Amino acid sequence: LSCATSFRFNTAGWYRQAPGKQRELVATITTGGMTTYVDSVK
């Protein structure tokens, strides 16, 4: 997956929402490149 913007940003993340479920945080990345992941995708 790719996410393109027209501006510089700080922290970014990917979320997902399955039918009938709440939106879930999948992964994040900071300006410096530090990352976090939900356990199910690690």
Full PDB file with SEQRES, HELIX, SHEET, SSBOND, CRYST1, ORIGX, SCALE, CONECT and MASTER records, all heavy atoms in Angstrom:
SEQRES   1 A   42  LEU SER CYS ALA THR SER PHE ARG PHE ASN THR ALA GLY          
SEQRES   2 A   42  TRP TYR ARG GLN ALA PRO GLY LYS GLN ARG GLU LEU VAL          
SEQRES   3 A   42  ALA THR ILE THR THR GLY GLY MET THR THR TYR VAL ASP          
SEQRES   4 A   42  SER VAL LYS                                                  
HELIX    1 AA1 ASP A   39  VAL A   41  5                                   3    
SHEET    1 AA1 3 ALA A  12  ARG A  16  0                                        
SHEET    2 AA1 3 GLU A  24  ILE A  29 -1                                        
SHEET    3 AA1 3 THR A  35  TYR A  37 -1                                        
CRYST1    1.000    1.000    1.000  90.00  90.00  90.00 P 1           1          
ORIGX1      1.000000  0.000000  0.000000        0.00000                         
ORIGX2      0.000000  1.000000  0.000000        0.00000                         
ORIGX3      0.000000  0.000000  1.000000        0.00000                         
SCALE1      1.000000  0.000000  0.000000        0.00000                         
SCALE2      0.000000  1.000000  0.000000        0.00000                         
SCALE3      0.000000  0.000000  1.000000        0.00000                         
ATOM      1  N   LEU A   1       0.847  -1.198   0.000  1.00  0.00           N  
ATOM      2  CA  LEU A   1       0.000   0.000   0.000  1.00  0.00           C  
ATOM      3  C   LEU A   1       0.880   1.244   0.000  1.00  0.00           C  
ATOM      4  O   LEU A   1       1.927   1.278   0.652  1.00  0.00           O  
ATOM      5  CB  LEU A   1      -0.917   0.018   1.220  1.00  0.00           C  
ATOM      6  CG  LEU A   1      -1.815  -1.205   1.421  1.00  0.00           C  
ATOM      7  CD1 LEU A   1      -2.716  -0.981   2.638  1.00  0.00           C  
ATOM      8  CD2 LEU A   1      -2.626  -1.499   0.185  1.00  0.00           C  
ATOM      9  N   SER A   2       0.407   2.238  -0.710  1.00  0.00           N  
ATOM     10  CA  SER A   2       1.127   3.508  -0.777  1.00  0.00           C  
ATOM     11  C   SER A   2       0.188   4.646  -0.416  1.00  0.00           C  
ATOM     12  O   SER A   2      -1.002   4.609  -0.750  1.00  0.00           O  
ATOM     13  CB  SER A   2       1.675   3.726  -2.181  1.00  0.00           C  
ATOM     14  OG  SER A   2       2.334   4.971  -2.279  1.00  0.00           O  
ATOM     15  N   CYS A   3       0.716   5.640   0.269  1.00  0.00           N  
ATOM     16  CA  CYS A   3      -0.065   6.817   0.667  1.00  0.00           C  
ATOM     17  C   CYS A   3       0.749   8.049   0.288  1.00  0.00           C  
ATOM     18  O   CYS A   3       1.840   8.255   0.840  1.00  0.00           O  
ATOM     19  CB  CYS A   3      -0.331   6.773   2.157  1.00  0.00           C  
ATOM     20  SG  CYS A   3      -1.098   8.258   2.819  1.00  0.00           S  
ATOM     21  N   ALA A   4       0.228   8.818  -0.633  1.00  0.00           N  
ATOM     22  CA  ALA A   4       0.950   9.979  -1.135  1.00  0.00           C  
ATOM     23  C   ALA A   4       0.306  11.262  -0.650  1.00  0.00           C  
ATOM     24  O   ALA A   4      -0.933  11.395  -0.659  1.00  0.00           O  
ATOM     25  CB  ALA A   4       0.973   9.956  -2.659  1.00  0.00           C  
ATOM     26  N   THR A   5       1.114  12.215  -0.239  1.00  0.00           N  
ATOM     27  CA  THR A   5       0.618  13.518   0.183  1.00  0.00           C  
ATOM     28  C   THR A   5       1.348  14.614  -0.587  1.00  0.00           C  
ATOM     29  O   THR A   5       2.386  14.361  -1.201  1.00  0.00           O  
ATOM     30  CB  THR A   5       0.828  13.732   1.682  1.00  0.00           C  
ATOM     31  OG1 THR A   5       2.222  13.942   1.920  1.00  0.00           O  
ATOM     32  CG2 THR A   5       0.351  12.551   2.496  1.00  0.00           C  
ATOM     33  N   SER A   6       0.823  15.812  -0.510  1.00  0.00           N  
ATOM     34  CA  SER A   6       1.438  16.948  -1.180  1.00  0.00           C  
ATOM     35  C   SER A   6       2.228  17.806  -0.206  1.00  0.00           C  
ATOM     36  O   SER A   6       2.646  18.914  -0.548  1.00  0.00           O  
ATOM     37  CB  SER A   6       0.361  17.796  -1.865  1.00  0.00           C  
ATOM     38  OG  SER A   6      -0.571  18.261  -0.917  1.00  0.00           O  
ATOM     39  N   PHE A   7       2.461  17.282   0.994  1.00  0.00           N  
ATOM     40  CA  PHE A   7       3.117  18.069   2.017  1.00  0.00           C  
ATOM     41  C   PHE A   7       3.945  17.144   2.912  1.00  0.00           C  
ATOM     42  O   PHE A   7       3.716  15.936   2.971  1.00  0.00           O  
ATOM     43  CB  PHE A   7       2.081  18.808   2.860  1.00  0.00           C  
ATOM     44  CG  PHE A   7       0.968  17.921   3.359  1.00  0.00           C  
ATOM     45  CD1 PHE A   7       1.108  17.215   4.549  1.00  0.00           C  
ATOM     46  CD2 PHE A   7      -0.212  17.760   2.641  1.00  0.00           C  
ATOM     47  CE1 PHE A   7       0.098  16.388   5.004  1.00  0.00           C  
ATOM     48  CE2 PHE A   7      -1.231  16.940   3.087  1.00  0.00           C  
ATOM     49  CZ  PHE A   7      -1.076  16.239   4.274  1.00  0.00           C  
ATOM     50  N   ARG A   8       4.885  17.729   3.624  1.00  0.00           N  
ATOM     51  CA  ARG A   8       5.661  16.956   4.578  1.00  0.00           C  
ATOM     52  C   ARG A   8       4.838  16.744   5.840  1.00  0.00           C  
ATOM     53  O   ARG A   8       4.087  17.624   6.255  1.00  0.00           O  
ATOM     54  CB  ARG A   8       6.959  17.695   4.907  1.00  0.00           C  
ATOM     55  CG  ARG A   8       7.857  17.885   3.699  1.00  0.00           C  
ATOM     56  CD  ARG A   8       9.192  18.457   4.093  1.00  0.00           C  
ATOM     57  NE  ARG A   8       9.975  17.477   4.851  1.00  0.00           N  
ATOM     58  CZ  ARG A   8      11.223  17.669   5.247  1.00  0.00           C  
ATOM     59  NH1 ARG A   8      11.819  18.818   4.965  1.00  0.00           N  
ATOM     60  NH2 ARG A   8      11.872  16.748   5.914  1.00  0.00           N  
ATOM     61  N   PHE A   9       4.971  15.565   6.404  1.00  0.00           N  
ATOM     62  CA  PHE A   9       4.185  15.240   7.582  1.00  0.00           C  
ATOM     63  C   PHE A   9       5.098  14.706   8.677  1.00  0.00           C  
ATOM     64  O   PHE A   9       6.255  14.364   8.422  1.00  0.00           O  
ATOM     65  CB  PHE A   9       3.096  14.219   7.248  1.00  0.00           C  
ATOM     66  CG  PHE A   9       3.592  13.008   6.498  1.00  0.00           C  
ATOM     67  CD1 PHE A   9       4.104  11.914   7.179  1.00  0.00           C  
ATOM     68  CD2 PHE A   9       3.545  12.975   5.113  1.00  0.00           C  
ATOM     69  CE1 PHE A   9       4.569  10.803   6.484  1.00  0.00           C  
ATOM     70  CE2 PHE A   9       4.003  11.878   4.407  1.00  0.00           C  
ATOM     71  CZ  PHE A   9       4.523  10.790   5.088  1.00  0.00           C  
ATOM     72  N   ASN A  10       4.577  14.644   9.885  1.00  0.00           N  
ATOM     73  CA  ASN A  10       5.318  14.108  11.022  1.00  0.00           C  
ATOM     74  C   ASN A  10       5.041  12.615  11.136  1.00  0.00           C  
ATOM     75  O   ASN A  10       5.407  11.852  10.273  1.00  0.00           O  
ATOM     76  CB  ASN A  10       4.974  14.876  12.292  1.00  0.00           C  
ATOM     77  CG  ASN A  10       5.236  16.361  12.143  1.00  0.00           C  
ATOM     78  OD1 ASN A  10       4.385  17.200  12.376  1.00  0.00           O  
ATOM     79  ND2 ASN A  10       6.440  16.709  11.726  1.00  0.00           N  
ATOM     80  N   THR A  11       4.322  12.211  12.165  1.00  0.00           N  
ATOM     81  CA  THR A  11       3.980  10.812  12.340  1.00  0.00           C  
ATOM     82  C   THR A  11       2.936  10.375  11.316  1.00  0.00           C  
ATOM     83  O   THR A  11       2.058  11.162  10.945  1.00  0.00           O  
ATOM     84  CB  THR A  11       3.448  10.565  13.759  1.00  0.00           C  
ATOM     85  OG1 THR A  11       4.443  10.932  14.693  1.00  0.00           O  
ATOM     86  CG2 THR A  11       3.066   9.114  13.961  1.00  0.00           C  
ATOM     87  N   ALA A  12       3.061   9.152  10.857  1.00  0.00           N  
ATOM     88  CA  ALA A  12       2.084   8.590   9.926  1.00  0.00           C  
ATOM     89  C   ALA A  12       1.705   7.195  10.395  1.00  0.00           C  
ATOM     90  O   ALA A  12       2.468   6.529  11.104  1.00  0.00           O  
ATOM     91  CB  ALA A  12       2.654   8.528   8.517  1.00  0.00           C  
ATOM     92  N   GLY A  13       0.537   6.788   9.991  1.00  0.00           N  
ATOM     93  CA  GLY A  13       0.094   5.454  10.391  1.00  0.00           C  
ATOM     94  C   GLY A  13      -0.874   4.870   9.391  1.00  0.00           C  
ATOM     95  O   GLY A  13      -1.449   5.572   8.559  1.00  0.00           O  
ATOM     96  N   TRP A  14      -1.011   3.546   9.481  1.00  0.00           N  
ATOM     97  CA  TRP A  14      -2.011   2.813   8.708  1.00  0.00           C  
ATOM     98  C   TRP A  14      -3.009   2.206   9.680  1.00  0.00           C  
ATOM     99  O   TRP A  14      -2.609   1.604  10.685  1.00  0.00           O  
ATOM    100  CB  TRP A  14      -1.364   1.717   7.870  1.00  0.00           C  
ATOM    101  CG  TRP A  14      -0.629   2.215   6.679  1.00  0.00           C  
ATOM    102  CD1 TRP A  14       0.691   2.490   6.586  1.00  0.00           C  
ATOM    103  CD2 TRP A  14      -1.184   2.514   5.403  1.00  0.00           C  
ATOM    104  NE1 TRP A  14       1.002   2.944   5.328  1.00  0.00           N  
ATOM    105  CE2 TRP A  14      -0.138   2.958   4.574  1.00  0.00           C  
ATOM    106  CE3 TRP A  14      -2.475   2.443   4.857  1.00  0.00           C  
ATOM    107  CZ2 TRP A  14      -0.339   3.332   3.243  1.00  0.00           C  
ATOM    108  CZ3 TRP A  14      -2.665   2.803   3.531  1.00  0.00           C  
ATOM    109  CH2 TRP A  14      -1.602   3.247   2.744  1.00  0.00           C  
ATOM    110  N   TYR A  15      -4.278   2.374   9.370  1.00  0.00           N  
ATOM    111  CA  TYR A  15      -5.367   1.798  10.132  1.00  0.00           C  
ATOM    112  C   TYR A  15      -6.157   0.881   9.199  1.00  0.00           C  
ATOM    113  O   TYR A  15      -6.045   0.970   7.984  1.00  0.00           O  
ATOM    114  CB  TYR A  15      -6.314   2.891  10.648  1.00  0.00           C  
ATOM    115  CG  TYR A  15      -5.735   3.790  11.712  1.00  0.00           C  
ATOM    116  CD1 TYR A  15      -4.753   4.735  11.405  1.00  0.00           C  
ATOM    117  CD2 TYR A  15      -6.188   3.723  13.030  1.00  0.00           C  
ATOM    118  CE1 TYR A  15      -4.230   5.567  12.381  1.00  0.00           C  
ATOM    119  CE2 TYR A  15      -5.678   4.553  14.013  1.00  0.00           C  
ATOM    120  CZ  TYR A  15      -4.712   5.479  13.682  1.00  0.00           C  
ATOM    121  OH  TYR A  15      -4.200   6.315  14.656  1.00  0.00           O  
ATOM    122  N   ARG A  16      -6.967   0.024   9.787  1.00  0.00           N  
ATOM    123  CA  ARG A  16      -7.840  -0.798   8.963  1.00  0.00           C  
ATOM    124  C   ARG A  16      -9.172  -0.998   9.673  1.00  0.00           C  
ATOM    125  O   ARG A  16      -9.247  -0.944  10.906  1.00  0.00           O  
ATOM    126  CB  ARG A  16      -7.216  -2.159   8.650  1.00  0.00           C  
ATOM    127  CG  ARG A  16      -6.996  -3.058   9.848  1.00  0.00           C  
ATOM    128  CD  ARG A  16      -6.222  -4.310   9.435  1.00  0.00           C  
ATOM    129  NE  ARG A  16      -5.975  -5.206  10.554  1.00  0.00           N  
ATOM    130  CZ  ARG A  16      -5.221  -6.294  10.489  1.00  0.00           C  
ATOM    131  NH1 ARG A  16      -4.639  -6.642   9.341  1.00  0.00           N  
ATOM    132  NH2 ARG A  16      -5.040  -7.058  11.561  1.00  0.00           N  
ATOM    133  N   GLN A  17     -10.210  -1.217   8.884  1.00  0.00           N  
ATOM    134  CA  GLN A  17     -11.536  -1.458   9.433  1.00  0.00           C  
ATOM    135  C   GLN A  17     -12.204  -2.567   8.650  1.00  0.00           C  
ATOM    136  O   GLN A  17     -12.437  -2.428   7.437  1.00  0.00           O  
ATOM    137  CB  GLN A  17     -12.385  -0.183   9.387  1.00  0.00           C  
ATOM    138  CG  GLN A  17     -13.713  -0.327  10.109  1.00  0.00           C  
ATOM    139  CD  GLN A  17     -14.377   1.002  10.355  1.00  0.00           C  
ATOM    140  OE1 GLN A  17     -14.065   2.016   9.726  1.00  0.00           O  
ATOM    141  NE2 GLN A  17     -15.291   1.035  11.303  1.00  0.00           N  
ATOM    142  N   ALA A  18     -12.485  -3.650   9.344  1.00  0.00           N  
ATOM    143  CA  ALA A  18     -13.186  -4.773   8.746  1.00  0.00           C  
ATOM    144  C   ALA A  18     -14.688  -4.592   8.959  1.00  0.00           C  
ATOM    145  O   ALA A  18     -15.096  -3.881   9.893  1.00  0.00           O  
ATOM    146  CB  ALA A  18     -12.708  -6.082   9.364  1.00  0.00           C  
ATOM    147  N   PRO A  19     -15.511  -5.216   8.146  1.00  0.00           N  
ATOM    148  CA  PRO A  19     -16.969  -5.071   8.292  1.00  0.00           C  
ATOM    149  C   PRO A  19     -17.428  -5.452   9.695  1.00  0.00           C  
ATOM    150  O   PRO A  19     -17.052  -6.504  10.219  1.00  0.00           O  
ATOM    151  CB  PRO A  19     -17.518  -6.046   7.249  1.00  0.00           C  
ATOM    152  CG  PRO A  19     -16.454  -6.133   6.219  1.00  0.00           C  
ATOM    153  CD  PRO A  19     -15.159  -6.034   6.984  1.00  0.00           C  
ATOM    154  N   GLY A  20     -18.215  -4.575  10.305  1.00  0.00           N  
ATOM    155  CA  GLY A  20     -18.751  -4.837  11.623  1.00  0.00           C  
ATOM    156  C   GLY A  20     -17.777  -4.657  12.767  1.00  0.00           C  
ATOM    157  O   GLY A  20     -18.108  -4.946  13.924  1.00  0.00           O  
ATOM    158  N   LYS A  21     -16.572  -4.181  12.469  1.00  0.00           N  
ATOM    159  CA  LYS A  21     -15.568  -3.999  13.512  1.00  0.00           C  
ATOM    160  C   LYS A  21     -15.127  -2.552  13.591  1.00  0.00           C  
ATOM    161  O   LYS A  21     -15.310  -1.773  12.657  1.00  0.00           O  
ATOM    162  CB  LYS A  21     -14.364  -4.908  13.250  1.00  0.00           C  
ATOM    163  CG  LYS A  21     -14.679  -6.393  13.339  1.00  0.00           C  
ATOM    164  CD  LYS A  21     -13.414  -7.223  13.243  1.00  0.00           C  
ATOM    165  CE  LYS A  21     -13.723  -8.698  13.413  1.00  0.00           C  
ATOM    166  NZ  LYS A  21     -12.471  -9.529  13.361  1.00  0.00           N  
ATOM    167  N   GLN A  22     -14.502  -2.212  14.715  1.00  0.00           N  
ATOM    168  CA  GLN A  22     -13.982  -0.862  14.870  1.00  0.00           C  
ATOM    169  C   GLN A  22     -12.683  -0.690  14.092  1.00  0.00           C  
ATOM    170  O   GLN A  22     -11.979  -1.665  13.803  1.00  0.00           O  
ATOM    171  CB  GLN A  22     -13.729  -0.575  16.357  1.00  0.00           C  
ATOM    172  CG  GLN A  22     -14.995  -0.447  17.181  1.00  0.00           C  
ATOM    173  CD  GLN A  22     -14.712  -0.003  18.605  1.00  0.00           C  
ATOM    174  OE1 GLN A  22     -13.652  -0.298  19.164  1.00  0.00           O  
ATOM    175  NE2 GLN A  22     -15.650   0.734  19.198  1.00  0.00           N  
ATOM    176  N   ARG A  23     -12.387   0.554  13.771  1.00  0.00           N  
ATOM    177  CA  ARG A  23     -11.136   0.840  13.099  1.00  0.00           C  
ATOM    178  C   ARG A  23      -9.979   0.498  14.034  1.00  0.00           C  
ATOM    179  O   ARG A  23      -9.999   0.824  15.207  1.00  0.00           O  
ATOM    180  CB  ARG A  23     -11.071   2.311  12.677  1.00  0.00           C  
ATOM    181  CG  ARG A  23      -9.920   2.639  11.744  1.00  0.00           C  
ATOM    182  CD  ARG A  23     -10.043   4.032  11.180  1.00  0.00           C  
ATOM    183  NE  ARG A  23     -11.207   4.142  10.298  1.00  0.00           N  
ATOM    184  CZ  ARG A  23     -11.459   5.207   9.526  1.00  0.00           C  
ATOM    185  NH1 ARG A  23     -10.596   6.229   9.531  1.00  0.00           N  
ATOM    186  NH2 ARG A  23     -12.532   5.244   8.777  1.00  0.00           N  
ATOM    187  N   GLU A  24      -8.960  -0.134  13.466  1.00  0.00           N  
ATOM    188  CA  GLU A  24      -7.828  -0.642  14.242  1.00  0.00           C  
ATOM    189  C   GLU A  24      -6.529  -0.025  13.739  1.00  0.00           C  
ATOM    190  O   GLU A  24      -6.295   0.046  12.527  1.00  0.00           O  
ATOM    191  CB  GLU A  24      -7.783  -2.169  14.100  1.00  0.00           C  
ATOM    192  CG  GLU A  24      -6.573  -2.840  14.696  1.00  0.00           C  
ATOM    193  CD  GLU A  24      -6.498  -4.316  14.362  1.00  0.00           C  
ATOM    194  OE1 GLU A  24      -6.716  -4.681  13.190  1.00  0.00           O  
ATOM    195  OE2 GLU A  24      -6.192  -5.118  15.275  1.00  0.00           O  
ATOM    196  N   LEU A  25      -5.671   0.380  14.681  1.00  0.00           N  
ATOM    197  CA  LEU A  25      -4.355   0.876  14.313  1.00  0.00           C  
ATOM    198  C   LEU A  25      -3.470  -0.315  13.959  1.00  0.00           C  
ATOM    199  O   LEU A  25      -3.300  -1.220  14.760  1.00  0.00           O  
ATOM    200  CB  LEU A  25      -3.749   1.677  15.456  1.00  0.00           C  
ATOM    201  CG  LEU A  25      -2.316   2.175  15.263  1.00  0.00           C  
ATOM    202  CD1 LEU A  25      -2.228   3.098  14.064  1.00  0.00           C  
ATOM    203  CD2 LEU A  25      -1.832   2.870  16.524  1.00  0.00           C  
ATOM    204  N   VAL A  26      -2.870  -0.287  12.775  1.00  0.00           N  
ATOM    205  CA  VAL A  26      -2.044  -1.386  12.300  1.00  0.00           C  
ATOM    206  C   VAL A  26      -0.567  -1.103  12.519  1.00  0.00           C  
ATOM    207  O   VAL A  26       0.166  -1.953  13.035  1.00  0.00           O  
ATOM    208  CB  VAL A  26      -2.310  -1.652  10.804  1.00  0.00           C  
ATOM    209  CG1 VAL A  26      -1.380  -2.746  10.279  1.00  0.00           C  
ATOM    210  CG2 VAL A  26      -3.762  -2.025  10.579  1.00  0.00           C  
ATOM    211  N   ALA A  27      -0.120   0.088  12.123  1.00  0.00           N  
ATOM    212  CA  ALA A  27       1.304   0.414  12.221  1.00  0.00           C  
ATOM    213  C   ALA A  27       1.479   1.920  12.210  1.00  0.00           C  
ATOM    214  O   ALA A  27       0.663   2.638  11.629  1.00  0.00           O  
ATOM    215  CB  ALA A  27       2.076  -0.213  11.058  1.00  0.00           C  
ATOM    216  N   THR A  28       2.566   2.376  12.840  1.00  0.00           N  
ATOM    217  CA  THR A  28       2.894   3.794  12.827  1.00  0.00           C  
ATOM    218  C   THR A  28       4.387   3.966  12.543  1.00  0.00           C  
ATOM    219  O   THR A  28       5.185   3.050  12.772  1.00  0.00           O  
ATOM    220  CB  THR A  28       2.574   4.475  14.163  1.00  0.00           C  
ATOM    221  OG1 THR A  28       3.406   3.909  15.183  1.00  0.00           O  
ATOM    222  CG2 THR A  28       1.108   4.311  14.537  1.00  0.00           C  
ATOM    223  N   ILE A  29       4.725   5.155  12.084  1.00  0.00           N  
ATOM    224  CA  ILE A  29       6.133   5.493  11.860  1.00  0.00           C  
ATOM    225  C   ILE A  29       6.329   6.965  12.177  1.00  0.00           C  
ATOM    226  O   ILE A  29       5.526   7.814  11.782  1.00  0.00           O  
ATOM    227  CB  ILE A  29       6.576   5.152  10.420  1.00  0.00           C  
ATOM    228  CG1 ILE A  29       8.082   5.366  10.250  1.00  0.00           C  
ATOM    229  CG2 ILE A  29       5.778   5.953   9.387  1.00  0.00           C  
ATOM    230  CD1 ILE A  29       8.640   4.728   8.991  1.00  0.00           C  
ATOM    231  N   THR A  30       7.389   7.267  12.907  1.00  0.00           N  
ATOM    232  CA  THR A  30       7.679   8.642  13.277  1.00  0.00           C  
ATOM    233  C   THR A  30       8.554   9.307  12.220  1.00  0.00           C  
ATOM    234  O   THR A  30       9.004   8.674  11.276  1.00  0.00           O  
ATOM    235  CB  THR A  30       8.408   8.701  14.622  1.00  0.00           C  
ATOM    236  OG1 THR A  30       9.715   8.109  14.445  1.00  0.00           O  
ATOM    237  CG2 THR A  30       7.647   7.953  15.708  1.00  0.00           C  
ATOM    238  N   THR A  31       8.789  10.587  12.428  1.00  0.00           N  
ATOM    239  CA  THR A  31       9.647  11.332  11.515  1.00  0.00           C  
ATOM    240  C   THR A  31      11.035  10.695  11.446  1.00  0.00           C  
ATOM    241  O   THR A  31      11.657  10.640  10.377  1.00  0.00           O  
ATOM    242  CB  THR A  31       9.765  12.790  11.965  1.00  0.00           C  
ATOM    243  OG1 THR A  31       8.455  13.355  12.055  1.00  0.00           O  
ATOM    244  CG2 THR A  31      10.587  13.596  10.992  1.00  0.00           C  
ATOM    245  N   GLY A  32      11.493  10.198  12.570  1.00  0.00           N  
ATOM    246  CA  GLY A  32      12.821   9.592  12.631  1.00  0.00           C  
ATOM    247  C   GLY A  32      12.873   8.144  12.206  1.00  0.00           C  
ATOM    248  O   GLY A  32      13.949   7.544  12.211  1.00  0.00           O  
ATOM    249  N   GLY A  33      11.707   7.576  11.856  1.00  0.00           N  
ATOM    250  CA  GLY A  33      11.691   6.205  11.362  1.00  0.00           C  
ATOM    251  C   GLY A  33      11.398   5.138  12.390  1.00  0.00           C  
ATOM    252  O   GLY A  33      11.467   3.937  12.082  1.00  0.00           O  
ATOM    253  N   MET A  34      11.059   5.530  13.611  1.00  0.00           N  
ATOM    254  CA  MET A  34      10.687   4.528  14.625  1.00  0.00           C  
ATOM    255  C   MET A  34       9.308   3.983  14.294  1.00  0.00           C  
ATOM    256  O   MET A  34       8.402   4.738  13.928  1.00  0.00           O  
ATOM    257  CB  MET A  34      10.710   5.135  16.015  1.00  0.00           C  
ATOM    258  CG  MET A  34      12.101   5.543  16.477  1.00  0.00           C  
ATOM    259  SD  MET A  34      12.104   6.160  18.174  1.00  0.00           S  
ATOM    260  CE  MET A  34      11.593   4.686  19.059  1.00  0.00           C  
ATOM    261  N   THR A  35       9.147   2.672  14.439  1.00  0.00           N  
ATOM    262  CA  THR A  35       7.906   2.024  14.023  1.00  0.00           C  
ATOM    263  C   THR A  35       7.259   1.251  15.165  1.00  0.00           C  
ATOM    264  O   THR A  35       7.930   0.810  16.098  1.00  0.00           O  
ATOM    265  CB  THR A  35       8.165   1.054  12.861  1.00  0.00           C  
ATOM    266  OG1 THR A  35       9.115   0.065  13.279  1.00  0.00           O  
ATOM    267  CG2 THR A  35       8.703   1.784  11.642  1.00  0.00           C  
ATOM    268  N   THR A  36       5.947   1.107  15.079  1.00  0.00           N  
ATOM    269  CA  THR A  36       5.187   0.255  15.992  1.00  0.00           C  
ATOM    270  C   THR A  36       4.197  -0.543  15.159  1.00  0.00           C  
ATOM    271  O   THR A  36       3.772  -0.094  14.084  1.00  0.00           O  
ATOM    272  CB  THR A  36       4.426   1.051  17.054  1.00  0.00           C  
ATOM    273  OG1 THR A  36       3.423   1.848  16.413  1.00  0.00           O  
ATOM    274  CG2 THR A  36       5.345   1.962  17.857  1.00  0.00           C  
ATOM    275  N   TYR A  37       3.826  -1.712  15.670  1.00  0.00           N  
ATOM    276  CA  TYR A  37       2.885  -2.589  14.967  1.00  0.00           C  
ATOM    277  C   TYR A  37       1.919  -3.223  15.957  1.00  0.00           C  
ATOM    278  O   TYR A  37       2.290  -3.529  17.096  1.00  0.00           O  
ATOM    279  CB  TYR A  37       3.626  -3.712  14.237  1.00  0.00           C  
ATOM    280  CG  TYR A  37       4.599  -3.245  13.184  1.00  0.00           C  
ATOM    281  CD1 TYR A  37       5.935  -3.013  13.495  1.00  0.00           C  
ATOM    282  CD2 TYR A  37       4.177  -3.030  11.880  1.00  0.00           C  
ATOM    283  CE1 TYR A  37       6.830  -2.577  12.546  1.00  0.00           C  
ATOM    284  CE2 TYR A  37       5.073  -2.598  10.906  1.00  0.00           C  
ATOM    285  CZ  TYR A  37       6.391  -2.378  11.252  1.00  0.00           C  
ATOM    286  OH  TYR A  37       7.275  -1.947  10.287  1.00  0.00           O  
ATOM    287  N   VAL A  38       0.712  -3.466  15.489  1.00  0.00           N  
ATOM    288  CA  VAL A  38      -0.204  -4.275  16.285  1.00  0.00           C  
ATOM    289  C   VAL A  38       0.321  -5.711  16.263  1.00  0.00           C  
ATOM    290  O   VAL A  38       0.940  -6.150  15.279  1.00  0.00           O  
ATOM    291  CB  VAL A  38      -1.644  -4.185  15.711  1.00  0.00           C  
ATOM    292  CG1 VAL A  38      -1.722  -4.819  14.333  1.00  0.00           C  
ATOM    293  CG2 VAL A  38      -2.648  -4.778  16.667  1.00  0.00           C  
ATOM    294  N   ASP A  39       0.102  -6.438  17.336  1.00  0.00           N  
ATOM    295  CA  ASP A  39       0.688  -7.779  17.461  1.00  0.00           C  
ATOM    296  C   ASP A  39       0.332  -8.703  16.293  1.00  0.00           C  
ATOM    297  O   ASP A  39       1.148  -9.513  15.861  1.00  0.00           O  
ATOM    298  CB  ASP A  39       0.244  -8.426  18.782  1.00  0.00           C  
ATOM    299  CG  ASP A  39       0.952  -7.832  19.985  1.00  0.00           C  
ATOM    300  OD1 ASP A  39       1.958  -7.120  19.801  1.00  0.00           O  
ATOM    301  OD2 ASP A  39       0.500  -8.078  21.114  1.00  0.00           O  
ATOM    302  N   SER A  40      -0.866  -8.581  15.791  1.00  0.00           N  
ATOM    303  CA  SER A  40      -1.334  -9.522  14.768  1.00  0.00           C  
ATOM    304  C   SER A  40      -0.597  -9.404  13.428  1.00  0.00           C  
ATOM    305  O   SER A  40      -0.707 -10.299  12.590  1.00  0.00           O  
ATOM    306  CB  SER A  40      -2.829  -9.349  14.540  1.00  0.00           C  
ATOM    307  OG  SER A  40      -3.115  -8.028  14.112  1.00  0.00           O  
ATOM    308  N   VAL A  41       0.142  -8.315  13.222  1.00  0.00           N  
ATOM    309  CA  VAL A  41       0.857  -8.145  11.945  1.00  0.00           C  
ATOM    310  C   VAL A  41       2.366  -8.147  12.108  1.00  0.00           C  
ATOM    311  O   VAL A  41       3.097  -8.071  11.114  1.00  0.00           O  
ATOM    312  CB  VAL A  41       0.417  -6.857  11.209  1.00  0.00           C  
ATOM    313  CG1 VAL A  41      -1.101  -6.802  11.078  1.00  0.00           C  
ATOM    314  CG2 VAL A  41       0.958  -5.606  11.894  1.00  0.00           C  
ATOM    315  N   LYS A  42       2.848  -8.232  13.320  1.00  0.00           N  
ATOM    316  CA  LYS A  42       4.295  -8.214  13.552  1.00  0.00           C  
ATOM    317  C   LYS A  42       4.969  -9.361  12.814  1.00  0.00           C  
ATOM    318  O   LYS A  42       4.505 -10.499  12.850  1.00  0.00           O  
ATOM    319  CB  LYS A  42       4.587  -8.298  15.046  1.00  0.00           C  
ATOM    320  CG  LYS A  42       4.318  -7.011  15.796  1.00  0.00           C  
ATOM    321  CD  LYS A  42       4.654  -7.145  17.289  1.00  0.00           C  
ATOM    322  CE  LYS A  42       4.389  -5.843  18.025  1.00  0.00           C  
ATOM    323  NZ  LYS A  42       4.658  -5.964  19.484  1.00  0.00           N  
TER     324      LYS A  42                                                      
MASTER        0    0    0    1    3    0    0    6  323    1    0    4          
END                                                                             
